[in-house]
Every structure is written in C-alpha cells, then in structure tokens.
Amino acid sequence: MKGLVTICARGGSKGIPGKNIKIINNKPLIAYSVEMAERLRKHYDLDIFLSTDSDEIKSIVLDLKLPSVNLSYERPEFLASDNAGKLDAIIDVTNYAEKLMKCSYDFVADLDVTSPLRTVEDLTTAIKTLFNDHNALNLFSVSRANRNPYFNMVEKRSDGYYGLCKEGTFLTRQSAPTVYELNASFYIFKKNFSTGIIKP
C-alpha cells in the first residue's frame, strides 16, 4: 500500500506559543513525530509531508537532516488561523502531495506533533486494524475519558437550566457506559473516507 504521513504544525499557537518546537528531552517536540514517520517508512511505502506556515518550524525540521520529509508545501494563511480545522489542513496537503507525487494514496496517517509518546507498533497495529475491516473508513487514537456525559457532565438547555449531556438513570460512574476522548496521537484515513480527504 502507498501511504502519506502528514505532520501539521502551524506557527501561531496561542495557548503555548511555539509549542511545536519547544525543547523536550534535548530536542524539539516536532522531531519526535518526524522521526516516528521515518520509522514507519520501514513498514510501508510512504511519503512524508510537513504542513506549516512557519519558516522557523520548516528550518528546524530541515536541521533534522531527514531528506525523506518533503518541505515544499506552504500551508495557506486561511488554514493557519485559530479557527481553521485540522481536517481541512490535512485535505489540502494531501491534495498537494498527490499532485506533486503523481499518485493516489491508499491511506493518510496524520501524526499530531503534541503526542510524542506513540510507538511504531501503535501505528502499524492501527493501520492493520483499519484495513482488516472493510466497512471502516478511518481510525483514530483515544483514551478512556475521565468525565462521563451520562454521569458527571452537564450542558445548558434551551430553557436555561442545566442537565446531563446524555440522559440516563445511572447512579454510579461504574454503571454508566464507557466513553472515550480523542487524544490526538494519530488519525488514519482510507482513500474513500467520506469527506473526500483522498479522492476515490
């Protein structure tokens, strides 16, 4: 299978300025995702594309001296704002990569820069799991949620009062259905994912 790894790292983070290039254990945070993508290339035929609007981030990735990482894509300004969705950024770099490389990818794996603890086993297992299920179109990493919408999460209703996010008669956290939250470590999409992330 032919795959694309996208590494999305815009420069304008407001919560933690410069978070994608903060030094963690003596190397910039983004290095962990770039190096993981390189390890994944030993298992799959992959192209790796950086999606950034920042010359500084691009320069830091260039300094890692991993020529397999394509740095030619420039993320447009409208996809680098606080309101821009990540999926739109992945779609845009995917379309660019397919045109540049003259290919159609079987899957796209996005590695979030802020999740440096994933392993290559996590990724290979996820890709195999996705492709072993013909009905599944995408797969993403999750963690068991600390809060549960059936038990201890409330939201404002149209009448101004607050109630549980999801209705139920669960009196203990243990009896409520198990819920999960996306932890952003990775997102993997097949080429026929319904949003058109990859053209069929």
N, C-alpha and C. Protein backbone atom coordinates (compact mmCIF):
# COMPACT_ATOMS: atom_id res chain seq x y z
N MET A 1 0.83 -1.20 0.00
CA MET A 1 0.00 0.00 0.00
C MET A 1 0.87 1.25 0.00
N LYS A 2 0.36 2.27 -0.64
CA LYS A 2 1.04 3.56 -0.69
C LYS A 2 0.37 4.50 0.31
N GLY A 3 1.15 5.07 1.22
CA GLY A 3 0.59 5.93 2.25
C GLY A 3 1.24 7.30 2.30
N LEU A 4 0.54 8.22 2.91
CA LEU A 4 1.04 9.57 3.15
C LEU A 4 1.00 9.84 4.64
N VAL A 5 2.09 10.33 5.19
CA VAL A 5 2.11 10.81 6.58
C VAL A 5 2.12 12.33 6.54
N THR A 6 1.16 12.93 7.22
CA THR A 6 1.13 14.38 7.32
C THR A 6 1.52 14.78 8.74
N ILE A 7 2.32 15.83 8.82
CA ILE A 7 2.72 16.38 10.11
C ILE A 7 2.34 17.86 10.08
N CYS A 8 1.27 18.18 10.78
CA CYS A 8 0.71 19.53 10.75
C CYS A 8 1.19 20.33 11.95
N ALA A 9 1.84 21.45 11.67
CA ALA A 9 2.44 22.24 12.76
C ALA A 9 2.40 23.72 12.41
N ARG A 10 1.30 24.34 12.71
CA ARG A 10 1.24 25.78 12.42
C ARG A 10 2.05 26.55 13.44
N GLY A 11 2.42 27.76 13.08
CA GLY A 11 3.32 28.53 13.93
C GLY A 11 2.64 29.40 14.95
N GLY A 12 1.33 29.63 14.84
CA GLY A 12 0.69 30.66 15.65
C GLY A 12 -0.07 30.17 16.85
N SER A 13 0.44 29.21 17.59
CA SER A 13 -0.27 28.71 18.77
C SER A 13 -0.42 29.81 19.82
N LYS A 14 -1.64 29.97 20.32
CA LYS A 14 -1.90 30.99 21.33
C LYS A 14 -1.77 30.42 22.74
N GLY A 15 -2.19 29.16 22.94
CA GLY A 15 -2.16 28.57 24.28
C GLY A 15 -0.74 28.45 24.81
N ILE A 16 0.14 27.84 24.01
CA ILE A 16 1.55 27.72 24.36
C ILE A 16 2.34 28.20 23.14
N PRO A 17 2.75 29.45 23.12
CA PRO A 17 3.48 29.97 21.96
C PRO A 17 4.70 29.12 21.62
N GLY A 18 4.83 28.78 20.35
CA GLY A 18 5.97 27.98 19.90
C GLY A 18 5.97 26.55 20.40
N LYS A 19 4.78 26.02 20.73
CA LYS A 19 4.72 24.70 21.36
C LYS A 19 5.32 23.60 20.49
N ASN A 20 5.17 23.69 19.17
CA ASN A 20 5.62 22.62 18.28
C ASN A 20 7.14 22.46 18.24
N ILE A 21 7.84 23.50 18.69
CA ILE A 21 9.31 23.42 18.65
C ILE A 21 9.93 23.60 20.04
N LYS A 22 9.12 23.49 21.08
CA LYS A 22 9.66 23.52 22.44
C LYS A 22 10.64 22.35 22.62
N ILE A 23 11.70 22.58 23.36
CA ILE A 23 12.69 21.54 23.58
C ILE A 23 12.19 20.59 24.68
N ILE A 24 12.05 19.33 24.30
CA ILE A 24 11.62 18.27 25.22
C ILE A 24 12.70 17.19 25.22
N ASN A 25 13.33 16.99 26.36
CA ASN A 25 14.41 15.99 26.46
C ASN A 25 15.48 16.22 25.37
N ASN A 26 15.90 17.45 25.27
CA ASN A 26 17.03 17.87 24.43
C ASN A 26 16.76 17.88 22.92
N LYS A 27 15.50 17.82 22.50
CA LYS A 27 15.22 18.02 21.07
C LYS A 27 13.84 18.63 20.89
N PRO A 28 13.63 19.32 19.77
CA PRO A 28 12.35 19.99 19.56
C PRO A 28 11.21 18.98 19.49
N LEU A 29 10.07 19.38 20.02
CA LEU A 29 8.92 18.48 20.09
C LEU A 29 8.58 17.87 18.74
N ILE A 30 8.64 18.66 17.68
CA ILE A 30 8.26 18.15 16.36
C ILE A 30 9.16 17.01 15.89
N ALA A 31 10.38 16.95 16.41
CA ALA A 31 11.31 15.91 15.99
C ALA A 31 10.78 14.51 16.28
N TYR A 32 10.04 14.36 17.37
CA TYR A 32 9.52 13.04 17.72
C TYR A 32 8.56 12.50 16.66
N SER A 33 7.71 13.37 16.14
CA SER A 33 6.76 12.94 15.11
C SER A 33 7.46 12.70 13.78
N VAL A 34 8.40 13.55 13.43
CA VAL A 34 9.14 13.37 12.18
C VAL A 34 9.93 12.06 12.21
N GLU A 35 10.61 11.81 13.32
CA GLU A 35 11.39 10.58 13.44
C GLU A 35 10.49 9.34 13.46
N MET A 36 9.30 9.46 14.04
CA MET A 36 8.36 8.34 14.03
C MET A 36 7.88 8.05 12.62
N ALA A 37 7.62 9.09 11.85
CA ALA A 37 7.22 8.89 10.45
C ALA A 37 8.33 8.18 9.68
N GLU A 38 9.56 8.54 9.97
CA GLU A 38 10.69 7.89 9.32
C GLU A 38 10.76 6.41 9.69
N ARG A 39 10.49 6.08 10.94
CA ARG A 39 10.49 4.67 11.35
C ARG A 39 9.36 3.90 10.66
N LEU A 40 8.24 4.56 10.48
CA LEU A 40 7.09 3.90 9.85
C LEU A 40 7.38 3.57 8.39
N ARG A 41 8.29 4.31 7.78
CA ARG A 41 8.65 4.05 6.38
C ARG A 41 9.31 2.68 6.20
N LYS A 42 9.80 2.10 7.28
CA LYS A 42 10.40 0.77 7.19
C LYS A 42 9.33 -0.31 7.02
N HIS A 43 8.08 0.06 7.29
CA HIS A 43 6.97 -0.90 7.22
C HIS A 43 6.04 -0.67 6.03
N TYR A 44 6.01 0.56 5.52
CA TYR A 44 5.11 0.91 4.43
C TYR A 44 5.82 1.82 3.42
N ASP A 45 5.30 1.81 2.20
CA ASP A 45 5.77 2.73 1.17
C ASP A 45 5.11 4.08 1.45
N LEU A 46 5.87 5.03 1.99
CA LEU A 46 5.30 6.28 2.49
C LEU A 46 5.97 7.50 1.91
N ASP A 47 5.18 8.55 1.74
CA ASP A 47 5.69 9.90 1.57
C ASP A 47 5.38 10.66 2.85
N ILE A 48 6.25 11.56 3.24
CA ILE A 48 6.06 12.35 4.46
C ILE A 48 6.06 13.82 4.08
N PHE A 49 4.98 14.52 4.44
CA PHE A 49 4.86 15.94 4.12
C PHE A 49 4.62 16.76 5.38
N LEU A 50 5.38 17.84 5.50
CA LEU A 50 5.17 18.80 6.58
C LEU A 50 4.17 19.85 6.12
N SER A 51 3.22 20.16 6.98
CA SER A 51 2.25 21.23 6.71
C SER A 51 2.44 22.32 7.75
N THR A 52 3.03 23.43 7.33
CA THR A 52 3.27 24.53 8.26
C THR A 52 3.23 25.86 7.53
N ASP A 53 2.94 26.89 8.27
CA ASP A 53 3.01 28.27 7.76
C ASP A 53 4.24 28.98 8.31
N SER A 54 5.07 28.26 9.04
CA SER A 54 6.19 28.87 9.76
C SER A 54 7.54 28.51 9.15
N ASP A 55 8.29 29.52 8.77
CA ASP A 55 9.65 29.30 8.25
C ASP A 55 10.56 28.74 9.34
N GLU A 56 10.32 29.13 10.59
CA GLU A 56 11.15 28.64 11.70
C GLU A 56 10.94 27.14 11.89
N ILE A 57 9.69 26.70 11.86
CA ILE A 57 9.41 25.26 12.00
C ILE A 57 10.03 24.50 10.85
N LYS A 58 9.88 25.03 9.65
CA LYS A 58 10.44 24.35 8.48
C LYS A 58 11.97 24.24 8.60
N SER A 59 12.60 25.30 9.10
CA SER A 59 14.05 25.30 9.27
C SER A 59 14.49 24.26 10.30
N ILE A 60 13.73 24.14 11.37
CA ILE A 60 14.07 23.16 12.42
C ILE A 60 13.94 21.74 11.89
N VAL A 61 12.89 21.47 11.11
CA VAL A 61 12.73 20.15 10.52
C VAL A 61 13.86 19.89 9.52
N LEU A 62 14.24 20.89 8.76
CA LEU A 62 15.35 20.74 7.82
C LEU A 62 16.63 20.38 8.54
N ASP A 63 16.84 20.95 9.73
CA ASP A 63 18.05 20.67 10.51
C ASP A 63 18.10 19.23 11.03
N LEU A 64 16.96 18.54 11.02
CA LEU A 64 16.95 17.14 11.45
C LEU A 64 17.63 16.23 10.42
N LYS A 65 17.83 16.77 9.21
CA LYS A 65 18.55 16.06 8.15
C LYS A 65 17.91 14.70 7.82
N LEU A 66 16.61 14.76 7.61
CA LEU A 66 15.86 13.59 7.15
C LEU A 66 15.28 13.92 5.78
N PRO A 67 16.02 13.59 4.73
CA PRO A 67 15.62 14.01 3.38
C PRO A 67 14.30 13.44 2.90
N SER A 68 13.78 12.43 3.58
CA SER A 68 12.50 11.84 3.17
C SER A 68 11.33 12.77 3.49
N VAL A 69 11.54 13.78 4.33
CA VAL A 69 10.46 14.70 4.69
C VAL A 69 10.38 15.80 3.64
N ASN A 70 9.23 15.88 2.98
CA ASN A 70 9.03 16.88 1.94
C ASN A 70 8.61 18.20 2.58
N LEU A 71 9.38 19.25 2.31
CA LEU A 71 9.14 20.56 2.91
C LEU A 71 8.60 21.57 1.91
N SER A 72 8.16 21.12 0.74
CA SER A 72 7.78 22.05 -0.33
C SER A 72 6.40 22.67 -0.15
N TYR A 73 5.56 22.07 0.68
CA TYR A 73 4.19 22.58 0.84
C TYR A 73 4.17 23.79 1.75
N GLU A 74 3.44 24.82 1.35
CA GLU A 74 3.25 26.01 2.17
C GLU A 74 1.79 26.06 2.60
N ARG A 75 1.53 25.94 3.89
CA ARG A 75 0.14 25.98 4.33
C ARG A 75 -0.43 27.39 4.11
N PRO A 76 -1.56 27.49 3.41
CA PRO A 76 -2.13 28.81 3.16
C PRO A 76 -2.61 29.48 4.44
N GLU A 77 -2.66 30.80 4.41
CA GLU A 77 -2.99 31.57 5.60
C GLU A 77 -4.35 31.19 6.18
N PHE A 78 -5.34 30.93 5.31
CA PHE A 78 -6.68 30.64 5.81
C PHE A 78 -6.75 29.29 6.54
N LEU A 79 -5.73 28.45 6.38
CA LEU A 79 -5.67 27.18 7.09
C LEU A 79 -4.71 27.23 8.28
N ALA A 80 -4.23 28.43 8.60
CA ALA A 80 -3.28 28.58 9.70
C ALA A 80 -3.82 29.46 10.82
N SER A 81 -5.12 29.77 10.77
CA SER A 81 -5.72 30.61 11.80
C SER A 81 -6.21 29.76 12.97
N ASP A 82 -6.60 30.44 14.05
CA ASP A 82 -7.13 29.74 15.22
C ASP A 82 -8.44 29.02 14.91
N ASN A 83 -9.15 29.49 13.89
CA ASN A 83 -10.46 28.91 13.57
C ASN A 83 -10.39 27.83 12.49
N ALA A 84 -9.23 27.60 11.94
CA ALA A 84 -9.10 26.61 10.86
C ALA A 84 -9.13 25.19 11.44
N GLY A 85 -9.91 24.32 10.82
CA GLY A 85 -9.98 22.94 11.26
C GLY A 85 -8.79 22.14 10.76
N LYS A 86 -8.36 21.20 11.57
CA LYS A 86 -7.20 20.39 11.18
C LYS A 86 -7.50 19.50 9.98
N LEU A 87 -8.73 18.99 9.91
CA LEU A 87 -9.07 18.11 8.80
C LEU A 87 -8.93 18.84 7.47
N ASP A 88 -9.32 20.11 7.44
CA ASP A 88 -9.16 20.89 6.21
C ASP A 88 -7.68 21.02 5.83
N ALA A 89 -6.83 21.19 6.85
CA ALA A 89 -5.39 21.29 6.59
C ALA A 89 -4.85 19.97 6.05
N ILE A 90 -5.33 18.85 6.58
CA ILE A 90 -4.89 17.53 6.09
C ILE A 90 -5.35 17.31 4.65
N ILE A 91 -6.59 17.71 4.35
CA ILE A 91 -7.10 17.57 2.99
C ILE A 91 -6.25 18.36 2.01
N ASP A 92 -5.91 19.58 2.39
CA ASP A 92 -5.17 20.45 1.48
C ASP A 92 -3.77 19.91 1.18
N VAL A 93 -3.04 19.48 2.21
CA VAL A 93 -1.70 18.96 1.98
C VAL A 93 -1.76 17.63 1.23
N THR A 94 -2.81 16.84 1.47
CA THR A 94 -2.97 15.58 0.75
C THR A 94 -3.17 15.82 -0.75
N ASN A 95 -4.05 16.76 -1.07
CA ASN A 95 -4.28 17.08 -2.48
C ASN A 95 -2.99 17.58 -3.14
N TYR A 96 -2.25 18.39 -2.42
CA TYR A 96 -0.97 18.89 -2.94
C TYR A 96 0.01 17.74 -3.17
N ALA A 97 0.11 16.85 -2.19
CA ALA A 97 1.07 15.74 -2.29
C ALA A 97 0.72 14.81 -3.44
N GLU A 98 -0.55 14.53 -3.62
CA GLU A 98 -0.95 13.65 -4.71
C GLU A 98 -0.61 14.24 -6.08
N LYS A 99 -0.82 15.55 -6.21
CA LYS A 99 -0.46 16.21 -7.49
C LYS A 99 1.04 16.21 -7.70
N LEU A 100 1.78 16.53 -6.64
CA LEU A 100 3.23 16.62 -6.77
C LEU A 100 3.86 15.25 -7.04
N MET A 101 3.39 14.25 -6.33
CA MET A 101 3.97 12.91 -6.44
C MET A 101 3.33 12.06 -7.53
N LYS A 102 2.27 12.61 -8.14
CA LYS A 102 1.56 11.92 -9.24
C LYS A 102 1.11 10.52 -8.80
N CYS A 103 0.40 10.47 -7.69
CA CYS A 103 -0.07 9.18 -7.17
C CYS A 103 -1.38 9.38 -6.45
N SER A 104 -1.99 8.27 -6.08
CA SER A 104 -3.19 8.27 -5.25
C SER A 104 -2.88 7.41 -4.03
N TYR A 105 -2.97 8.00 -2.85
CA TYR A 105 -2.60 7.29 -1.63
C TYR A 105 -3.71 6.35 -1.17
N ASP A 106 -3.32 5.18 -0.69
CA ASP A 106 -4.29 4.25 -0.11
C ASP A 106 -4.73 4.69 1.28
N PHE A 107 -3.86 5.40 1.97
CA PHE A 107 -4.23 5.91 3.29
C PHE A 107 -3.39 7.13 3.62
N VAL A 108 -3.94 7.94 4.54
CA VAL A 108 -3.23 9.09 5.10
C VAL A 108 -3.17 8.90 6.60
N ALA A 109 -2.00 9.05 7.17
CA ALA A 109 -1.82 8.99 8.62
C ALA A 109 -1.31 10.34 9.10
N ASP A 110 -2.08 11.00 9.92
CA ASP A 110 -1.65 12.28 10.49
C ASP A 110 -1.09 12.04 11.88
N LEU A 111 0.14 12.50 12.10
CA LEU A 111 0.79 12.36 13.40
C LEU A 111 0.81 13.72 14.09
N ASP A 112 0.06 13.82 15.18
CA ASP A 112 -0.01 15.09 15.89
C ASP A 112 1.32 15.38 16.58
N VAL A 113 1.80 16.59 16.42
CA VAL A 113 3.12 16.97 16.95
C VAL A 113 3.13 16.93 18.48
N THR A 114 1.99 17.17 19.11
CA THR A 114 1.97 17.26 20.57
C THR A 114 1.79 15.90 21.25
N SER A 115 1.93 14.81 20.50
CA SER A 115 1.82 13.47 21.09
C SER A 115 3.08 12.67 20.79
N PRO A 116 4.15 12.91 21.52
CA PRO A 116 5.44 12.30 21.18
C PRO A 116 5.64 10.87 21.68
N LEU A 117 4.68 10.32 22.43
CA LEU A 117 4.91 9.03 23.07
C LEU A 117 4.34 7.84 22.29
N ARG A 118 3.79 8.07 21.12
CA ARG A 118 3.29 6.95 20.32
C ARG A 118 4.45 6.07 19.89
N THR A 119 4.17 4.83 19.56
CA THR A 119 5.20 3.90 19.10
C THR A 119 4.89 3.46 17.67
N VAL A 120 5.89 2.91 17.01
CA VAL A 120 5.66 2.41 15.66
C VAL A 120 4.71 1.22 15.70
N GLU A 121 4.72 0.48 16.82
CA GLU A 121 3.76 -0.62 16.97
C GLU A 121 2.33 -0.10 17.05
N ASP A 122 2.14 1.04 17.74
CA ASP A 122 0.81 1.66 17.77
C ASP A 122 0.31 1.91 16.35
N LEU A 123 1.17 2.45 15.52
CA LEU A 123 0.77 2.85 14.18
C LEU A 123 0.57 1.66 13.25
N THR A 124 1.48 0.70 13.28
CA THR A 124 1.33 -0.46 12.40
C THR A 124 0.10 -1.27 12.78
N THR A 125 -0.15 -1.40 14.08
CA THR A 125 -1.34 -2.11 14.53
C THR A 125 -2.60 -1.38 14.10
N ALA A 126 -2.60 -0.06 14.21
CA ALA A 126 -3.77 0.72 13.81
C ALA A 126 -4.05 0.59 12.32
N ILE A 127 -3.02 0.66 11.50
CA ILE A 127 -3.20 0.55 10.05
C ILE A 127 -3.72 -0.84 9.69
N LYS A 128 -3.16 -1.87 10.30
CA LYS A 128 -3.64 -3.23 10.03
C LYS A 128 -5.09 -3.40 10.47
N THR A 129 -5.41 -2.87 11.64
CA THR A 129 -6.78 -2.97 12.15
C THR A 129 -7.76 -2.30 11.20
N LEU A 130 -7.40 -1.12 10.72
CA LEU A 130 -8.27 -0.38 9.80
C LEU A 130 -8.50 -1.15 8.51
N PHE A 131 -7.45 -1.71 7.94
CA PHE A 131 -7.58 -2.37 6.65
C PHE A 131 -8.11 -3.80 6.77
N ASN A 132 -8.15 -4.33 7.97
CA ASN A 132 -8.78 -5.63 8.18
C ASN A 132 -10.30 -5.53 8.28
N ASP A 133 -10.81 -4.31 8.37
CA ASP A 133 -12.25 -4.08 8.45
C ASP A 133 -12.68 -3.34 7.19
N HIS A 134 -13.36 -4.03 6.29
CA HIS A 134 -13.73 -3.43 5.01
C HIS A 134 -14.76 -2.31 5.17
N ASN A 135 -15.49 -2.30 6.27
CA ASN A 135 -16.52 -1.27 6.47
C ASN A 135 -15.97 0.00 7.11
N ALA A 136 -14.82 -0.11 7.75
CA ALA A 136 -14.24 1.05 8.44
C ALA A 136 -13.55 1.96 7.43
N LEU A 137 -13.73 3.26 7.61
CA LEU A 137 -13.11 4.24 6.72
C LEU A 137 -11.98 5.01 7.39
N ASN A 138 -12.01 5.11 8.70
CA ASN A 138 -10.93 5.80 9.40
C ASN A 138 -10.78 5.23 10.80
N LEU A 139 -9.65 5.55 11.40
CA LEU A 139 -9.34 5.07 12.75
C LEU A 139 -8.54 6.15 13.45
N PHE A 140 -8.85 6.38 14.72
CA PHE A 140 -8.12 7.41 15.46
C PHE A 140 -7.85 6.94 16.87
N SER A 141 -6.86 7.53 17.48
CA SER A 141 -6.45 7.12 18.83
C SER A 141 -7.34 7.79 19.88
N VAL A 142 -7.65 7.04 20.92
CA VAL A 142 -8.49 7.55 22.00
C VAL A 142 -7.92 7.13 23.36
N SER A 143 -8.41 7.79 24.39
CA SER A 143 -8.12 7.41 25.76
C SER A 143 -9.45 7.34 26.52
N ARG A 144 -9.50 6.52 27.53
CA ARG A 144 -10.71 6.46 28.34
C ARG A 144 -10.91 7.81 29.01
N ALA A 145 -12.12 8.36 28.88
CA ALA A 145 -12.41 9.70 29.38
C ALA A 145 -12.51 9.73 30.91
N ASN A 146 -12.03 10.81 31.48
CA ASN A 146 -12.14 10.99 32.93
C ASN A 146 -13.55 11.43 33.33
N ARG A 147 -14.22 12.13 32.43
CA ARG A 147 -15.59 12.58 32.67
C ARG A 147 -16.54 11.80 31.78
N ASN A 148 -17.78 11.65 32.24
CA ASN A 148 -18.74 10.84 31.51
C ASN A 148 -20.03 11.63 31.30
N PRO A 149 -20.46 11.82 30.05
CA PRO A 149 -21.67 12.62 29.78
C PRO A 149 -22.95 12.01 30.33
N TYR A 150 -22.92 10.72 30.68
CA TYR A 150 -24.08 10.06 31.28
C TYR A 150 -24.14 10.26 32.80
N PHE A 151 -23.02 10.75 33.38
CA PHE A 151 -22.95 10.74 34.84
C PHE A 151 -22.51 12.07 35.44
N ASN A 152 -21.43 12.67 34.96
CA ASN A 152 -20.92 13.87 35.63
C ASN A 152 -20.52 15.00 34.67
N MET A 153 -21.22 15.09 33.53
CA MET A 153 -21.04 16.22 32.62
C MET A 153 -22.42 16.82 32.32
N VAL A 154 -22.52 18.14 32.45
CA VAL A 154 -23.81 18.79 32.21
C VAL A 154 -23.66 19.83 31.10
N GLU A 155 -24.80 20.18 30.49
CA GLU A 155 -24.80 21.22 29.46
C GLU A 155 -26.04 22.09 29.64
N LYS A 156 -25.97 23.31 29.11
CA LYS A 156 -27.10 24.23 29.23
C LYS A 156 -28.17 23.87 28.22
N ARG A 157 -29.42 23.84 28.67
CA ARG A 157 -30.53 23.52 27.80
C ARG A 157 -31.19 24.79 27.29
N SER A 158 -32.11 24.63 26.34
CA SER A 158 -32.76 25.79 25.74
C SER A 158 -33.59 26.59 26.74
N ASP A 159 -34.04 25.96 27.83
CA ASP A 159 -34.83 26.68 28.84
C ASP A 159 -33.97 27.40 29.87
N GLY A 160 -32.64 27.31 29.71
CA GLY A 160 -31.74 28.00 30.62
C GLY A 160 -31.25 27.15 31.78
N TYR A 161 -31.87 25.99 31.99
CA TYR A 161 -31.44 25.09 33.05
C TYR A 161 -30.38 24.13 32.53
N TYR A 162 -29.69 23.49 33.46
CA TYR A 162 -28.63 22.57 33.10
C TYR A 162 -29.04 21.13 33.42
N GLY A 163 -28.60 20.21 32.59
CA GLY A 163 -28.86 18.81 32.83
C GLY A 163 -27.73 17.97 32.25
N LEU A 164 -27.77 16.67 32.52
CA LEU A 164 -26.74 15.79 31.99
C LEU A 164 -26.69 15.88 30.47
N CYS A 165 -25.48 15.78 29.92
CA CYS A 165 -25.32 15.85 28.47
C CYS A 165 -26.09 14.73 27.77
N LYS A 166 -26.05 13.53 28.36
CA LYS A 166 -26.78 12.39 27.81
C LYS A 166 -27.68 11.81 28.90
N GLU A 167 -28.93 11.63 28.55
CA GLU A 167 -29.90 11.17 29.53
C GLU A 167 -29.65 9.70 29.90
N GLY A 168 -29.91 9.38 31.14
CA GLY A 168 -29.77 8.02 31.61
C GLY A 168 -30.16 7.94 33.08
N THR A 169 -30.19 6.76 33.61
CA THR A 169 -30.56 6.57 35.02
C THR A 169 -29.41 5.92 35.79
N PHE A 170 -28.20 6.31 35.43
CA PHE A 170 -27.02 5.69 36.03
C PHE A 170 -26.67 6.41 37.32
N LEU A 171 -26.57 5.65 38.42
CA LEU A 171 -26.34 6.24 39.73
C LEU A 171 -24.87 6.20 40.14
N THR A 172 -24.06 5.46 39.40
CA THR A 172 -22.62 5.41 39.69
C THR A 172 -21.83 5.54 38.40
N ARG A 173 -20.62 6.03 38.52
CA ARG A 173 -19.75 6.16 37.35
C ARG A 173 -19.48 4.80 36.72
N GLN A 174 -19.36 3.77 37.57
CA GLN A 174 -19.04 2.43 37.07
C GLN A 174 -20.19 1.83 36.26
N SER A 175 -21.41 2.22 36.54
CA SER A 175 -22.55 1.65 35.82
C SER A 175 -22.85 2.38 34.52
N ALA A 176 -22.30 3.57 34.34
CA ALA A 176 -22.53 4.34 33.11
C ALA A 176 -21.73 3.73 31.96
N PRO A 177 -22.22 3.89 30.72
CA PRO A 177 -21.47 3.37 29.57
C PRO A 177 -20.06 3.97 29.52
N THR A 178 -19.10 3.18 29.10
CA THR A 178 -17.73 3.67 28.97
C THR A 178 -17.64 4.60 27.77
N VAL A 179 -17.04 5.75 27.97
CA VAL A 179 -16.85 6.71 26.88
C VAL A 179 -15.37 7.02 26.73
N TYR A 180 -15.00 7.49 25.56
CA TYR A 180 -13.60 7.75 25.23
C TYR A 180 -13.45 9.16 24.67
N GLU A 181 -12.26 9.70 24.82
CA GLU A 181 -11.98 11.00 24.23
C GLU A 181 -10.82 10.87 23.26
N LEU A 182 -10.91 11.62 22.17
CA LEU A 182 -9.82 11.62 21.20
C LEU A 182 -8.58 12.20 21.86
N ASN A 183 -7.45 11.50 21.75
CA ASN A 183 -6.22 12.02 22.37
C ASN A 183 -5.25 12.61 21.36
N ALA A 184 -5.66 12.63 20.08
CA ALA A 184 -4.93 13.33 19.02
C ALA A 184 -3.58 12.72 18.66
N SER A 185 -3.26 11.55 19.16
CA SER A 185 -1.97 10.96 18.82
C SER A 185 -1.85 10.70 17.32
N PHE A 186 -2.90 10.10 16.74
CA PHE A 186 -2.89 9.88 15.29
C PHE A 186 -4.30 9.72 14.76
N TYR A 187 -4.43 10.07 13.49
CA TYR A 187 -5.66 9.87 12.73
C TYR A 187 -5.26 9.17 11.43
N ILE A 188 -5.97 8.11 11.07
CA ILE A 188 -5.65 7.38 9.85
C ILE A 188 -6.92 7.29 9.00
N PHE A 189 -6.80 7.62 7.73
CA PHE A 189 -7.94 7.66 6.82
C PHE A 189 -7.67 6.78 5.59
N LYS A 190 -8.67 5.99 5.20
CA LYS A 190 -8.61 5.30 3.91
C LYS A 190 -8.90 6.29 2.80
N LYS A 191 -8.58 5.89 1.57
CA LYS A 191 -8.74 6.82 0.45
C LYS A 191 -10.19 7.14 0.15
N ASN A 192 -11.13 6.29 0.57
CA ASN A 192 -12.54 6.56 0.31
C ASN A 192 -13.25 7.14 1.52
N PHE A 193 -12.48 7.74 2.43
CA PHE A 193 -13.09 8.43 3.57
C PHE A 193 -14.07 9.46 3.05
N SER A 194 -15.26 9.54 3.64
CA SER A 194 -16.39 10.23 3.04
C SER A 194 -16.24 11.74 2.88
N THR A 195 -15.34 12.39 3.65
CA THR A 195 -15.19 13.84 3.50
C THR A 195 -14.41 14.19 2.23
N GLY A 196 -13.89 13.20 1.56
CA GLY A 196 -13.10 13.49 0.38
C GLY A 196 -11.66 13.81 0.70
N ILE A 197 -11.20 13.36 1.85
CA ILE A 197 -9.81 13.63 2.21
C ILE A 197 -8.86 13.09 1.16
N ILE A 198 -9.23 11.98 0.56
CA ILE A 198 -8.49 11.48 -0.59
C ILE A 198 -9.49 11.17 -1.67
N LYS A 199 -9.24 11.64 -2.83
CA LYS A 199 -10.18 11.41 -3.93
C LYS A 199 -10.22 9.93 -4.28
N PRO A 200 -11.45 9.37 -4.46
CA PRO A 200 -11.54 7.94 -4.81
C PRO A 200 -11.00 7.66 -6.20
